[in-house]
C-alpha atoms as a PDB file:
ATOM      1  CA  MET A   1       0.000   0.000   0.000  1.00  0.00           C
ATOM      2  CA  LYS A   2       2.853   2.347   0.853  1.00  0.00           C
ATOM      3  CA  ASN A   3       4.480   1.766  -2.580  1.00  0.00           C
ATOM      4  CA  ALA A   4       1.181   2.403  -4.337  1.00  0.00           C
ATOM      5  CA  SER A   5       0.819   5.672  -2.416  1.00  0.00           C
ATOM      6  CA  LEU A   6       4.333   6.752  -3.398  1.00  0.00           C
ATOM      7  CA  HIS A   7       3.677   5.947  -7.050  1.00  0.00           C
ATOM      8  CA  ALA A   8       0.433   7.920  -7.005  1.00  0.00           C
ATOM      9  CA  ARG A   9       2.194  10.891  -5.422  1.00  0.00           C
ATOM     10  CA  PHE A  10       4.990  10.681  -7.996  1.00  0.00           C
ATOM     11  CA  PHE A  11       2.532  10.807 -10.888  1.00  0.00           C
ATOM     12  CA  TRP A  12       0.977  13.922  -9.370  1.00  0.00           C
ATOM     13  CA  TYR A  13       4.376  15.590  -9.426  1.00  0.00           C
ATOM     14  CA  ILE A  14       4.886  15.020 -13.181  1.00  0.00           C
ATOM     15  CA  PRO A  15       2.209  17.479 -14.391  1.00  0.00           C
ATOM     16  CA  LEU A  16       3.322  19.986 -11.754  1.00  0.00           C
ATOM     17  CA  LEU A  17       6.911  19.764 -12.974  1.00  0.00           C
ATOM     18  CA  LEU A  18       5.800  20.097 -16.602  1.00  0.00           C
ATOM     19  CA  PHE A  19       3.697  23.115 -15.705  1.00  0.00           C
ATOM     20  CA  ALA A  20       6.628  24.690 -13.866  1.00  0.00           C
ATOM     21  CA  LEU A  21       8.886  24.031 -16.879  1.00  0.00           C
ATOM     22  CA  ILE A  22       6.406  25.653 -19.278  1.00  0.00           C
ATOM     23  CA  VAL A  23       6.031  28.682 -16.997  1.00  0.00           C
ATOM     24  CA  TRP A  24       9.838  29.014 -16.800  1.00  0.00           C
ATOM     25  CA  CYS A  25      10.180  28.775 -20.595  1.00  0.00           C
ATOM     26  CA  PHE A  26       7.403  31.308 -21.137  1.00  0.00           C
ATOM     27  CA  THR A  27       8.955  33.712 -18.628  1.00  0.00           C
ATOM     28  CA  THR A  28      12.349  33.315 -20.292  1.00  0.00           C
ATOM     29  CA  SER A  29      10.795  34.075 -23.693  1.00  0.00           C
ATOM     30  CA  GLN A  30       9.049  37.207 -22.427  1.00  0.00           C
ATOM     31  CA  SER A  31      12.244  38.312 -20.713  1.00  0.00           C
ATOM     32  CA  ALA A  32      14.036  38.031 -24.063  1.00  0.00           C
ATOM     33  CA  VAL A  33      11.620  40.592 -25.525  1.00  0.00           C
ATOM     34  CA  ASP A  34      12.358  43.023 -22.693  1.00  0.00           C
ATOM     35  CA  GLN A  35      16.123  42.530 -22.897  1.00  0.00           C
ATOM     36  CA  ALA A  36      16.195  43.302 -26.628  1.00  0.00           C
ATOM     37  CA  THR A  37      15.152  46.907 -26.001  1.00  0.00           C
ATOM     38  CA  ARG A  38      18.597  47.696 -24.538  1.00  0.00           C
ATOM     39  CA  TYR A  39      20.046  47.393 -28.025  1.00  0.00           C
ATOM     40  CA  PHE A  40      17.839  50.119 -29.499  1.00  0.00           C
ATOM     41  CA  PRO A  41      20.232  52.391 -31.480  1.00  0.00           C
ATOM     42  CA  GLN A  42      20.211  56.058 -30.463  1.00  0.00           C
ATOM     43  CA  GLU A  43      20.529  57.144 -34.104  1.00  0.00           C
ATOM     44  CA  SER A  44      17.358  55.287 -35.111  1.00  0.00           C
ATOM     45  CA  LYS A  45      14.936  56.621 -37.687  1.00  0.00           C
ATOM     46  CA  PHE A  46      11.475  55.318 -38.572  1.00  0.00           C
ATOM     47  CA  VAL A  47       9.062  55.695 -41.433  1.00  0.00           C
ATOM     48  CA  GLN A  48       5.432  54.600 -41.124  1.00  0.00           C
ATOM     49  CA  VAL A  49       4.285  52.457 -44.046  1.00  0.00           C
ATOM     50  CA  GLY A  50       0.876  51.154 -45.109  1.00  0.00           C
ATOM     51  CA  TYR A  51      -2.497  50.916 -43.428  1.00  0.00           C
ATOM     52  CA  PRO A  52      -2.596  50.048 -40.645  1.00  0.00           C
ATOM     53  CA  ALA A  53       0.821  51.717 -40.451  1.00  0.00           C
ATOM     54  CA  LYS A  54       3.851  49.576 -39.677  1.00  0.00           C
ATOM     55  CA  ALA A  55       7.183  51.105 -38.682  1.00  0.00           C
ATOM     56  CA  LEU A  56      10.283  50.557 -40.838  1.00  0.00           C
ATOM     57  CA  HIS A  57      13.439  51.086 -38.786  1.00  0.00           C
ATOM     58  CA  TYR A  58      16.631  52.359 -40.404  1.00  0.00           C
ATOM     59  CA  LEU A  59      19.933  54.122 -39.774  1.00  0.00           C
ATOM     60  CA  ARG A  60      21.399  56.706 -42.137  1.00  0.00           C
ATOM     61  CA  ALA A  61      24.794  58.388 -42.444  1.00  0.00           C
ATOM     62  CA  GLY A  62      27.112  59.921 -45.046  1.00  0.00           C
ATOM     63  CA  GLN A  63      26.614  61.727 -48.334  1.00  0.00           C
ATOM     64  CA  GLY A  64      26.684  60.897 -52.038  1.00  0.00           C
ATOM     65  CA  GLN A  65      25.136  58.016 -53.946  1.00  0.00           C
ATOM     66  CA  THR A  66      22.534  56.281 -51.787  1.00  0.00           C
ATOM     67  CA  VAL A  67      23.345  52.694 -50.833  1.00  0.00           C
ATOM     68  CA  VAL A  68      20.701  50.645 -48.994  1.00  0.00           C
ATOM     69  CA  LEU A  69      21.962  47.709 -46.910  1.00  0.00           C
ATOM     70  CA  ILE A  70      19.618  44.736 -46.386  1.00  0.00           C
ATOM     71  CA  HIS A  71      20.523  42.144 -43.747  1.00  0.00           C
ATOM     72  CA  GLY A  72      20.100  38.378 -43.912  1.00  0.00           C
ATOM     73  CA  ASP A  73      18.495  35.643 -41.797  1.00  0.00           C
ATOM     74  CA  GLY A  74      17.413  36.833 -38.383  1.00  0.00           C
ATOM     75  CA  GLY A  75      19.699  39.857 -38.605  1.00  0.00           C
ATOM     76  CA  SER A  76      19.304  43.583 -38.130  1.00  0.00           C
ATOM     77  CA  THR A  77      21.054  46.896 -38.776  1.00  0.00           C
ATOM     78  CA  TYR A  78      23.770  45.600 -36.422  1.00  0.00           C
ATOM     79  CA  ASP A  79      24.880  43.266 -39.220  1.00  0.00           C
ATOM     80  CA  TRP A  80      26.226  46.406 -40.866  1.00  0.00           C
ATOM     81  CA  THR A  81      26.993  48.814 -38.008  1.00  0.00           C
ATOM     82  CA  MET A  82      29.263  46.214 -36.402  1.00  0.00           C
ATOM     83  CA  ALA A  83      30.921  45.546 -39.765  1.00  0.00           C
ATOM     84  CA  ASN A  84      31.341  48.134 -42.549  1.00  0.00           C
ATOM     85  CA  PHE A  85      28.609  50.788 -42.095  1.00  0.00           C
ATOM     86  CA  ALA A  86      30.957  53.547 -40.890  1.00  0.00           C
ATOM     87  CA  ARG A  87      33.451  52.795 -43.639  1.00  0.00           C
ATOM     88  CA  LEU A  88      30.790  52.997 -46.361  1.00  0.00           C
ATOM     89  CA  ALA A  89      29.410  56.232 -44.873  1.00  0.00           C
ATOM     90  CA  LYS A  90      32.716  57.943 -45.714  1.00  0.00           C
ATOM     91  CA  LYS A  91      31.914  57.529 -49.423  1.00  0.00           C
ATOM     92  CA  TYR A  92      28.149  57.127 -49.750  1.00  0.00           C
ATOM     93  CA  ASP A  93      24.784  58.091 -48.331  1.00  0.00           C
ATOM     94  CA  VAL A  94      24.330  54.790 -46.489  1.00  0.00           C
ATOM     95  CA  ILE A  95      21.048  53.444 -45.159  1.00  0.00           C
ATOM     96  CA  ALA A  96      20.851  50.207 -43.182  1.00  0.00           C
ATOM     97  CA  ILE A  97      17.302  48.916 -42.741  1.00  0.00           C
ATOM     98  CA  ASP A  98      15.720  46.341 -40.495  1.00  0.00           C
ATOM     99  CA  ARG A  99      13.634  44.116 -42.731  1.00  0.00           C
ATOM    100  CA  PRO A 100       9.962  43.894 -41.700  1.00  0.00           C
ATOM    101  CA  GLY A 101       9.605  41.707 -38.630  1.00  0.00           C
ATOM    102  CA  PHE A 102      13.280  41.893 -37.660  1.00  0.00           C
ATOM    103  CA  GLY A 103      15.385  44.183 -35.497  1.00  0.00           C
ATOM    104  CA  PHE A 104      13.136  47.110 -34.627  1.00  0.00           C
ATOM    105  CA  SER A 105      10.863  47.054 -37.686  1.00  0.00           C
ATOM    106  CA  GLU A 106       7.321  45.877 -37.082  1.00  0.00           C
ATOM    107  CA  THR A 107       5.896  42.599 -38.352  1.00  0.00           C
ATOM    108  CA  LEU A 108       3.602  42.726 -41.390  1.00  0.00           C
ATOM    109  CA  PRO A 109       0.166  41.089 -41.596  1.00  0.00           C
ATOM    110  CA  ASN A 110       1.674  39.024 -44.436  1.00  0.00           C
ATOM    111  CA  GLN A 111       5.372  38.335 -43.790  1.00  0.00           C
ATOM    112  CA  SER A 112       6.212  36.829 -47.192  1.00  0.00           C
ATOM    113  CA  VAL A 113       9.330  38.013 -49.023  1.00  0.00           C
ATOM    114  CA  LEU A 114       7.116  39.672 -51.645  1.00  0.00           C
ATOM    115  CA  SER A 115       5.267  41.641 -48.950  1.00  0.00           C
ATOM    116  CA  GLN A 116       8.597  42.666 -47.440  1.00  0.00           C
ATOM    117  CA  VAL A 117       9.815  43.975 -50.793  1.00  0.00           C
ATOM    118  CA  ARG A 118       6.658  46.007 -51.391  1.00  0.00           C
ATOM    119  CA  TYR A 119       6.839  47.423 -47.890  1.00  0.00           C
ATOM    120  CA  ILE A 120      10.533  48.342 -48.219  1.00  0.00           C
ATOM    121  CA  HIS A 121       9.842  49.945 -51.588  1.00  0.00           C
ATOM    122  CA  LYS A 122       7.115  52.142 -50.127  1.00  0.00           C
ATOM    123  CA  GLY A 123       9.247  52.948 -47.099  1.00  0.00           C
ATOM    124  CA  LEU A 124      12.146  54.104 -49.277  1.00  0.00           C
ATOM    125  CA  GLN A 125       9.763  56.280 -51.294  1.00  0.00           C
ATOM    126  CA  LEU A 126       8.361  57.888 -48.144  1.00  0.00           C
ATOM    127  CA  ALA A 127      11.895  58.510 -46.868  1.00  0.00           C
ATOM    128  CA  GLY A 128      12.686  60.350 -50.107  1.00  0.00           C
ATOM    129  CA  ILE A 129      15.201  57.791 -51.347  1.00  0.00           C
ATOM    130  CA  ARG A 130      15.607  57.631 -55.124  1.00  0.00           C
ATOM    131  CA  ARG A 131      17.535  55.156 -57.296  1.00  0.00           C
ATOM    132  CA  PRO A 132      19.703  53.550 -54.620  1.00  0.00           C
ATOM    133  CA  VAL A 133      22.144  50.694 -54.958  1.00  0.00           C
ATOM    134  CA  LEU A 134      20.784  47.772 -52.964  1.00  0.00           C
ATOM    135  CA  VAL A 135      23.316  45.610 -51.126  1.00  0.00           C
ATOM    136  CA  GLY A 136      21.732  42.410 -49.829  1.00  0.00           C
ATOM    137  CA  HIS A 137      23.513  39.900 -47.632  1.00  0.00           C
ATOM    138  CA  SER A 138      22.335  36.269 -47.561  1.00  0.00           C
ATOM    139  CA  ARG A 139      18.509  36.360 -47.315  1.00  0.00           C
ATOM    140  CA  GLY A 140      18.789  40.079 -47.979  1.00  0.00           C
ATOM    141  CA  GLY A 141      20.165  39.130 -51.398  1.00  0.00           C
ATOM    142  CA  GLU A 142      16.893  37.355 -52.149  1.00  0.00           C
ATOM    143  CA  VAL A 143      15.003  40.492 -51.090  1.00  0.00           C
ATOM    144  CA  ALA A 144      17.223  42.754 -53.210  1.00  0.00           C
ATOM    145  CA  THR A 145      16.842  40.472 -56.236  1.00  0.00           C
ATOM    146  CA  LEU A 146      13.053  40.446 -55.990  1.00  0.00           C
ATOM    147  CA  PHE A 147      13.121  44.239 -55.601  1.00  0.00           C
ATOM    148  CA  ALA A 148      15.054  44.454 -58.899  1.00  0.00           C
ATOM    149  CA  GLU A 149      12.423  42.269 -60.570  1.00  0.00           C
ATOM    150  CA  GLU A 150       9.508  44.299 -59.207  1.00  0.00           C
ATOM    151  CA  TYR A 151      10.929  47.840 -59.514  1.00  0.00           C
ATOM    152  CA  PRO A 152      13.758  47.813 -62.089  1.00  0.00           C
ATOM    153  CA  ASN A 153      13.414  51.478 -63.046  1.00  0.00           C
ATOM    154  CA  GLU A 154      13.859  52.639 -59.459  1.00  0.00           C
ATOM    155  CA  LEU A 155      17.334  51.225 -58.824  1.00  0.00           C
ATOM    156  CA  ALA A 156      20.881  52.156 -59.741  1.00  0.00           C
ATOM    157  CA  GLY A 157      21.801  48.490 -59.293  1.00  0.00           C
ATOM    158  CA  VAL A 158      22.152  45.501 -56.965  1.00  0.00           C
ATOM    159  CA  VAL A 159      25.012  43.830 -55.101  1.00  0.00           C
ATOM    160  CA  THR A 160      24.448  40.475 -53.401  1.00  0.00           C
ATOM    161  CA  LEU A 161      26.825  39.130 -50.755  1.00  0.00           C
ATOM    162  CA  GLY A 162      26.437  35.380 -50.361  1.00  0.00           C
ATOM    163  CA  GLY A 163      22.903  35.928 -51.653  1.00  0.00           C
ATOM    164  CA  ALA A 164      20.214  33.313 -50.980  1.00  0.00           C
ATOM    165  CA  CYS A 165      19.680  32.671 -54.661  1.00  0.00           C
ATOM    166  CA  PHE A 166      18.375  29.087 -54.758  1.00  0.00           C
ATOM    167  CA  ASN A 167      16.366  26.745 -52.584  1.00  0.00           C
ATOM    168  CA  THR A 168      18.756  25.066 -50.133  1.00  0.00           C
ATOM    169  CA  GLU A 169      16.270  22.647 -48.570  1.00  0.00           C
ATOM    170  CA  ASP A 170      18.528  19.732 -49.434  1.00  0.00           C
ATOM    171  CA  ARG A 171      21.424  21.298 -47.480  1.00  0.00           C
ATOM    172  CA  GLU A 172      19.885  22.022 -44.075  1.00  0.00           C
ATOM    173  CA  PRO A 173      17.381  20.544 -41.600  1.00  0.00           C
ATOM    174  CA  LEU A 174      13.892  21.961 -42.115  1.00  0.00           C
ATOM    175  CA  TRP A 175      12.055  20.589 -39.112  1.00  0.00           C
ATOM    176  CA  GLN A 176      12.488  23.734 -37.000  1.00  0.00           C
ATOM    177  CA  TYR A 177      11.073  26.015 -39.709  1.00  0.00           C
ATOM    178  CA  LYS A 178       8.149  23.718 -40.388  1.00  0.00           C
ATOM    179  CA  LEU A 179       7.338  23.364 -36.698  1.00  0.00           C
ATOM    180  CA  LEU A 180       7.407  27.129 -36.189  1.00  0.00           C
ATOM    181  CA  ARG A 181       5.115  27.626 -39.209  1.00  0.00           C
ATOM    182  CA  THR A 182       2.585  25.136 -37.828  1.00  0.00           C
ATOM    183  CA  PRO A 183      -0.623  26.979 -36.776  1.00  0.00           C
ATOM    184  CA  ILE A 184      -1.056  27.319 -32.994  1.00  0.00           C
ATOM    185  CA  PHE A 185       1.730  24.847 -32.151  1.00  0.00           C
ATOM    186  CA  GLY A 186       4.338  27.095 -33.778  1.00  0.00           C
ATOM    187  CA  LYS A 187       3.334  30.043 -31.600  1.00  0.00           C
ATOM    188  CA  LEU A 188       3.313  27.853 -28.516  1.00  0.00           C
ATOM    189  CA  LEU A 189       6.804  26.607 -29.370  1.00  0.00           C
ATOM    190  CA  ALA A 190       8.129  30.123 -30.006  1.00  0.00           C
ATOM    191  CA  HIS A 191       6.707  31.414 -26.716  1.00  0.00           C
ATOM    192  CA  THR A 192       7.992  28.542 -24.587  1.00  0.00           C
ATOM    193  CA  VAL A 193      10.804  26.061 -25.215  1.00  0.00           C
ATOM    194  CA  TYR A 194      12.418  27.293 -28.425  1.00  0.00           C
ATOM    195  CA  ILE A 195      14.245  30.299 -26.998  1.00  0.00           C
ATOM    196  CA  PRO A 196      15.932  28.547 -24.019  1.00  0.00           C
ATOM    197  CA  ILE A 197      17.126  25.688 -26.212  1.00  0.00           C
ATOM    198  CA  GLY A 198      17.724  27.754 -29.359  1.00  0.00           C
ATOM    199  CA  LYS A 199      20.429  30.147 -28.175  1.00  0.00           C
ATOM    200  CA  PRO A 200      23.303  27.613 -28.296  1.00  0.00           C
ATOM    201  CA  ALA A 201      22.163  26.579 -31.780  1.00  0.00           C
ATOM    202  CA  ALA A 202      22.153  30.226 -32.877  1.00  0.00           C
ATOM    203  CA  LYS A 203      25.743  30.636 -31.697  1.00  0.00           C
ATOM    204  CA  ALA A 204      26.776  27.511 -33.615  1.00  0.00           C
ATOM    205  CA  GLY A 205      25.018  28.809 -36.736  1.00  0.00           C
ATOM    206  CA  LEU A 206      26.833  32.133 -36.521  1.00  0.00           C
ATOM    207  CA  ASP A 207      30.211  30.438 -36.110  1.00  0.00           C
ATOM    208  CA  HIS A 208      29.390  28.349 -39.179  1.00  0.00           C
ATOM    209  CA  ALA A 209      28.624  31.509 -41.178  1.00  0.00           C
ATOM    210  CA  PHE A 210      31.829  33.263 -40.055  1.00  0.00           C
ATOM    211  CA  SER A 211      34.006  30.247 -40.817  1.00  0.00           C
ATOM    212  CA  PRO A 212      36.633  29.562 -42.015  1.00  0.00           C
ATOM    213  CA  GLU A 213      37.972  33.070 -41.345  1.00  0.00           C
ATOM    214  CA  SER A 214      36.917  33.421 -37.713  1.00  0.00           C
ATOM    215  CA  THR A 215      34.219  32.598 -35.209  1.00  0.00           C
ATOM    216  CA  SER A 216      31.386  35.044 -34.587  1.00  0.00           C
ATOM    217  CA  PRO A 217      32.580  38.033 -32.510  1.00  0.00           C
ATOM    218  CA  ASP A 218      31.207  37.889 -28.975  1.00  0.00           C
ATOM    219  CA  ALA A 219      29.598  41.329 -29.174  1.00  0.00           C
ATOM    220  CA  TYR A 220      27.835  40.462 -32.418  1.00  0.00           C
ATOM    221  CA  THR A 221      26.685  37.073 -31.113  1.00  0.00           C
ATOM    222  CA  GLU A 222      25.205  38.807 -28.073  1.00  0.00           C
ATOM    223  CA  VAL A 223      23.166  41.360 -30.019  1.00  0.00           C
ATOM    224  CA  TYR A 224      22.153  38.884 -32.733  1.00  0.00           C
ATOM    225  CA  THR A 225      20.747  36.359 -30.271  1.00  0.00           C
ATOM    226  CA  ALA A 226      19.078  39.114 -28.211  1.00  0.00           C
ATOM    227  CA  LEU A 227      17.165  40.409 -31.234  1.00  0.00           C
ATOM    228  CA  MET A 228      16.655  37.082 -32.971  1.00  0.00           C
ATOM    229  CA  MET A 229      15.525  35.039 -29.964  1.00  0.00           C
ATOM    230  CA  ARG A 230      12.148  36.748 -29.531  1.00  0.00           C
ATOM    231  CA  PRO A 231       8.928  34.817 -30.180  1.00  0.00           C
ATOM    232  CA  GLN A 232       7.590  36.894 -33.071  1.00  0.00           C
ATOM    233  CA  THR A 233      11.013  37.237 -34.682  1.00  0.00           C
ATOM    234  CA  LEU A 234      11.406  33.444 -34.628  1.00  0.00           C
ATOM    235  CA  LEU A 235       8.047  33.033 -36.358  1.00  0.00           C
ATOM    236  CA  ASN A 236       9.074  35.584 -38.997  1.00  0.00           C
ATOM    237  CA  TRP A 237      12.409  33.793 -39.471  1.00  0.00           C
ATOM    238  CA  ALA A 238      10.546  30.540 -40.146  1.00  0.00           C
ATOM    239  CA  ILE A 239       8.422  32.268 -42.806  1.00  0.00           C
ATOM    240  CA  ASP A 240      11.627  33.538 -44.456  1.00  0.00           C
ATOM    241  CA  HIS A 241      12.595  29.895 -44.969  1.00  0.00           C
ATOM    242  CA  ASP A 242       9.441  29.091 -46.915  1.00  0.00           C
ATOM    243  CA  ALA A 243      10.923  28.797 -50.407  1.00  0.00           C
ATOM    244  CA  THR A 244       7.582  29.096 -52.228  1.00  0.00           C
ATOM    245  CA  VAL A 245       8.135  32.683 -53.409  1.00  0.00           C
ATOM    246  CA  LEU A 246      11.767  31.974 -54.304  1.00  0.00           C
ATOM    247  CA  ASP A 247      10.903  28.912 -56.394  1.00  0.00           C
ATOM    248  CA  SER A 248       7.699  30.153 -58.030  1.00  0.00           C
ATOM    249  CA  LEU A 249       8.310  33.882 -58.520  1.00  0.00           C
ATOM    250  CA  ILE A 250      11.924  34.996 -58.077  1.00  0.00           C
ATOM    251  CA  ILE A 251      14.041  32.334 -59.825  1.00  0.00           C
ATOM    252  CA  PRO A 252      11.886  32.141 -63.001  1.00  0.00           C
ATOM    253  CA  ARG A 253      12.405  35.894 -63.496  1.00  0.00           C
ATOM    254  CA  TYR A 254      16.197  36.005 -63.139  1.00  0.00           C
ATOM    255  CA  LYS A 255      16.463  36.090 -66.928  1.00  0.00           C
ATOM    256  CA  PHE A 256      14.400  39.303 -67.072  1.00  0.00           C
ATOM    257  CA  ILE A 257      16.555  41.364 -64.670  1.00  0.00           C
ATOM    258  CA  ARG A 258      18.026  44.385 -66.436  1.00  0.00           C
ATOM    259  CA  VAL A 259      19.668  46.433 -63.684  1.00  0.00           C
ATOM    260  CA  PRO A 260      23.457  46.472 -63.122  1.00  0.00           C
ATOM    261  CA  PHE A 261      24.099  43.426 -60.952  1.00  0.00           C
ATOM    262  CA  VAL A 262      27.172  42.127 -59.116  1.00  0.00           C
ATOM    263  CA  VAL A 263      27.167  38.763 -57.334  1.00  0.00           C
ATOM    264  CA  VAL A 264      29.813  38.455 -54.617  1.00  0.00           C
ATOM    265  CA  ASN A 265      30.501  35.109 -52.944  1.00  0.00           C
ATOM    266  CA  GLY A 266      33.152  33.674 -50.685  1.00  0.00           C
ATOM    267  CA  GLN A 267      35.135  30.828 -52.202  1.00  0.00           C
ATOM    268  CA  LEU A 268      34.664  28.812 -49.005  1.00  0.00           C
ATOM    269  CA  ASP A 269      31.143  29.968 -48.135  1.00  0.00           C
ATOM    270  CA  GLN A 270      29.413  27.033 -46.407  1.00  0.00           C
ATOM    271  CA  ASN A 271      25.967  28.671 -46.422  1.00  0.00           C
ATOM    272  CA  VAL A 272      25.852  29.523 -50.132  1.00  0.00           C
ATOM    273  CA  PRO A 273      28.352  27.428 -52.116  1.00  0.00           C
ATOM    274  CA  VAL A 274      30.221  29.277 -54.830  1.00  0.00           C
ATOM    275  CA  ALA A 275      28.742  26.923 -57.454  1.00  0.00           C
ATOM    276  CA  MET A 276      25.307  28.356 -56.641  1.00  0.00           C
ATOM    277  CA  ALA A 277      26.605  31.910 -56.980  1.00  0.00           C
ATOM    278  CA  ARG A 278      28.163  31.084 -60.331  1.00  0.00           C
ATOM    279  CA  ARG A 279      24.897  29.615 -61.618  1.00  0.00           C
ATOM    280  CA  TYR A 280      23.013  32.622 -60.218  1.00  0.00           C
ATOM    281  CA  SER A 281      25.235  35.126 -62.021  1.00  0.00           C
ATOM    282  CA  GLN A 282      24.928  33.191 -65.278  1.00  0.00           C
ATOM    283  CA  MET A 283      21.129  33.346 -65.141  1.00  0.00           C
ATOM    284  CA  ILE A 284      20.999  37.152 -64.739  1.00  0.00           C
ATOM    285  CA  PRO A 285      21.780  38.997 -68.000  1.00  0.00           C
ATOM    286  CA  GLY A 286      24.963  41.031 -67.713  1.00  0.00           C
ATOM    287  CA  ALA A 287      25.633  40.092 -64.084  1.00  0.00           C
ATOM    288  CA  GLN A 288      29.236  40.070 -62.909  1.00  0.00           C
ATOM    289  CA  LEU A 289      30.620  37.539 -60.439  1.00  0.00           C
ATOM    290  CA  LEU A 290      33.254  38.266 -57.802  1.00  0.00           C
ATOM    291  CA  VAL A 291      34.599  35.218 -55.962  1.00  0.00           C
ATOM    292  CA  VAL A 292      36.600  36.153 -52.879  1.00  0.00           C
ATOM    293  CA  PRO A 293      39.488  33.686 -52.325  1.00  0.00           C
ATOM    294  CA  GLY A 294      39.451  31.949 -48.937  1.00  0.00           C
ATOM    295  CA  ALA A 295      36.344  33.826 -47.810  1.00  0.00           C
ATOM    296  CA  GLY A 296      33.248  32.562 -46.031  1.00  0.00           C
ATOM    297  CA  HIS A 297      29.736  33.967 -45.743  1.00  0.00           C
ATOM    298  CA  GLU A 298      30.206  37.124 -43.642  1.00  0.00           C
ATOM    299  CA  LEU A 299      31.809  39.253 -46.331  1.00  0.00           C
ATOM    300  CA  MET A 300      30.974  42.668 -44.853  1.00  0.00           C
ATOM    301  CA  PHE A 301      32.913  41.754 -41.699  1.00  0.00           C
ATOM    302  CA  HIS A 302      35.961  40.231 -43.334  1.00  0.00           C
ATOM    303  CA  HIS A 303      36.138  41.901 -46.759  1.00  0.00           C
ATOM    304  CA  PRO A 304      34.699  45.429 -46.654  1.00  0.00           C
ATOM    305  CA  ASP A 305      37.046  46.431 -49.486  1.00  0.00           C
ATOM    306  CA  VAL A 306      35.399  43.889 -51.791  1.00  0.00           C
ATOM    307  CA  VAL A 307      31.950  45.223 -50.881  1.00  0.00           C
ATOM    308  CA  GLU A 308      33.076  48.718 -51.922  1.00  0.00           C
ATOM    309  CA  GLN A 309      34.571  47.325 -55.119  1.00  0.00           C
ATOM    310  CA  ALA A 310      31.255  45.674 -56.004  1.00  0.00           C
ATOM    311  CA  ILE A 311      29.295  48.886 -55.343  1.00  0.00           C
ATOM    312  CA  ASN A 312      31.680  50.826 -57.578  1.00  0.00           C
ATOM    313  CA  MET A 313      31.306  48.203 -60.328  1.00  0.00           C
ATOM    314  CA  VAL A 314      27.535  48.627 -60.200  1.00  0.00           C
ATOM    315  CA  LEU A 315      27.791  52.433 -60.318  1.00  0.00           C
ATOM    316  CA  GLN A 316      30.243  52.332 -63.201  1.00  0.00           C
ATOM    317  CA  LYS A 317      27.882  50.111 -65.145  1.00  0.00           C
ATOM    318  CA  ALA A 318      24.909  52.320 -64.265  1.00  0.00           C
ATOM    319  CA  THR A 319      26.626  55.391 -65.777  1.00  0.00           C
ATOM    320  CA  GLN A 320      27.187  53.460 -69.025  1.00  0.00           C
ATOM    321  CA  LYS A 321      23.500  52.630 -69.489  1.00  0.00           C
END
């Protein structure tokens, strides 16, 4: 009888422990939202876009030809300000934006890449920005490419840095994206267990992107995980990895792009293999390919000179049109 009583008491503890674990995870997730506000840049600017209005966050510095910097997966304006923003601002009017749903830009009702492009386009118009060069890193390269397809007459040109140019579903595990996109369960996951267990994985992913030239700098890892590991940002990140728009809309129109275009890729990029970049550049009429020897994925950190070279190539080509 005593053993039966102990077993019964033990089984009562299981749901209590599970409940306590869920409460701890939820509290940790909400705390992550609060902690992210400490990284709000003092130089921030916003433009209100659409109805109901959603805020587009950006930073701006310098003078000259306007260059708009678009970050990649889960990133923010810090992808540039901790890399080559100040250097570029010595030569250009530089604008680093937070894509919708990332950094300090608000989430859209429809978070698809196409919606992001339309929103960014309107935001740039409202900010008085005309004919910029777009520089897109990683997923930002996909955004910049779609922008060139949608609004070719409103750009001076495009530079992609390790641009997400093809579906890479065969190269990475998809379960986390699919789980986060699952109705109801995805939100529950994002608001509970994903953040406590996801931070070490985020650090490993950053080190992978910075390799083989370095590991992710501690300061960058800190701000990236603080801004990325928020429930809504995670859900937006999962939507970014839905390749439907890339496969059905963006890739089939590569052959119609007519703006000056430079594809830059690290020779040893493990996120976007150079073979993909070569194929990408061959599909876009007149595109030029720059392969950086020994380089990985984080080109703006390790090779700011090459980024400037690519921008100048685009501008030179734009003046010849």
